[in-house]
Amino acid sequence: MSDKKPFNEEDRNISEGGPMDNPEQYKTDKKTITEMHKEEMTVDTIPMEDLKQEKKEEGNKRATKSNSSSEEKFPE
């Protein structure tokens, strides 16, 4: 078994990067699980915000694309 203790919200420190500068690309100011544990550093994460946006776009195939996840990640 693993010798890791259970994860709780108090264990998450403030991240040094921007609000979406994390592997999952969620808007957060806390460190992610992949940043907290060394063995998770090699795991390829799925950018969840991009995935959610693409799923919405696929639902309405005839619509014109009017938004971009890059606009949220890199505001002017």
Protein backbone atom coordinates (compact mmCIF):
# COMPACT_ATOMS: atom_id res chain seq x y z
CA MET A 1 0.00 0.00 0.00
CA SER A 2 0.94 3.62 -0.25
CA ASP A 3 2.30 5.55 2.70
CA LYS A 4 0.59 8.76 1.58
CA LYS A 5 -1.80 10.43 3.98
CA PRO A 6 -5.32 11.30 2.78
CA PHE A 7 -5.59 14.51 0.77
CA ASN A 8 -7.41 17.50 2.20
CA GLU A 9 -7.86 21.13 1.20
CA GLU A 10 -5.44 22.43 3.87
CA ASP A 11 -2.58 20.53 2.20
CA ARG A 12 -2.80 22.62 -0.96
CA ASN A 13 -0.43 25.60 -0.99
CA ILE A 14 -0.79 28.75 -3.06
CA SER A 15 0.59 28.29 -6.58
CA GLU A 16 3.22 30.66 -8.00
CA GLY A 17 1.73 30.68 -11.53
CA GLY A 18 -1.31 32.31 -13.07
CA PRO A 19 -4.87 31.16 -12.36
CA MET A 20 -4.92 28.71 -15.30
CA ASP A 21 -1.21 27.85 -15.27
CA ASN A 22 -1.73 24.25 -14.18
CA PRO A 23 -1.98 20.93 -16.01
CA GLU A 24 -5.75 20.59 -15.77
CA GLN A 25 -6.20 24.29 -16.65
CA TYR A 26 -8.82 24.93 -13.98
CA LYS A 27 -9.04 28.46 -12.65
CA THR A 28 -7.38 28.14 -9.24
CA ASP A 29 -4.71 29.76 -7.14
CA LYS A 30 -3.85 26.50 -5.34
CA LYS A 31 -1.31 23.85 -6.31
CA THR A 32 -2.69 20.82 -8.14
CA ILE A 33 -2.24 17.20 -7.11
CA THR A 34 0.33 16.73 -9.88
CA GLU A 35 2.40 19.58 -8.43
CA MET A 36 2.14 18.26 -4.88
CA HIS A 37 3.40 14.70 -5.44
CA LYS A 38 6.64 13.81 -7.22
CA GLU A 39 5.28 10.56 -8.71
CA GLU A 40 2.44 12.49 -10.37
CA MET A 41 4.80 14.80 -12.31
CA THR A 42 5.03 12.35 -15.24
CA VAL A 43 1.26 11.90 -15.59
CA ASP A 44 -0.29 13.48 -18.69
CA THR A 45 -3.35 15.38 -17.56
CA ILE A 46 -6.34 16.34 -19.67
CA PRO A 47 -7.07 20.09 -19.90
CA MET A 48 -10.60 19.86 -18.49
CA GLU A 49 -11.76 23.36 -19.45
CA ASP A 50 -10.84 22.71 -23.10
CA LEU A 51 -12.59 19.34 -22.98
CA LYS A 52 -15.81 20.87 -21.58
CA GLN A 53 -15.79 23.62 -24.21
CA GLU A 54 -15.23 21.15 -27.07
CA LYS A 55 -18.07 18.96 -25.82
CA LYS A 56 -20.45 21.96 -25.89
CA GLU A 57 -19.31 22.85 -29.41
CA GLU A 58 -19.81 19.30 -30.67
CA GLY A 59 -23.38 19.35 -29.36
CA ASN A 60 -24.31 22.14 -31.77
CA LYS A 61 -22.59 21.22 -35.03
CA ARG A 62 -24.24 23.93 -37.15
CA ALA A 63 -23.20 26.82 -34.88
CA THR A 64 -20.26 29.08 -35.56
CA LYS A 65 -17.42 28.93 -33.07
CA SER A 66 -17.55 32.14 -31.08
CA ASN A 67 -15.32 31.41 -28.11
CA SER A 68 -11.86 30.07 -27.41
CA SER A 69 -10.22 28.65 -24.32
CA SER A 70 -7.10 30.63 -25.25
CA GLU A 71 -9.01 33.86 -24.66
CA GLU A 72 -9.64 32.81 -21.07
CA LYS A 73 -6.08 31.59 -20.48
CA PHE A 74 -4.36 34.58 -22.05
CA PRO A 75 -6.51 37.69 -21.55
CA GLU A 76 -5.26 40.90 -23.11
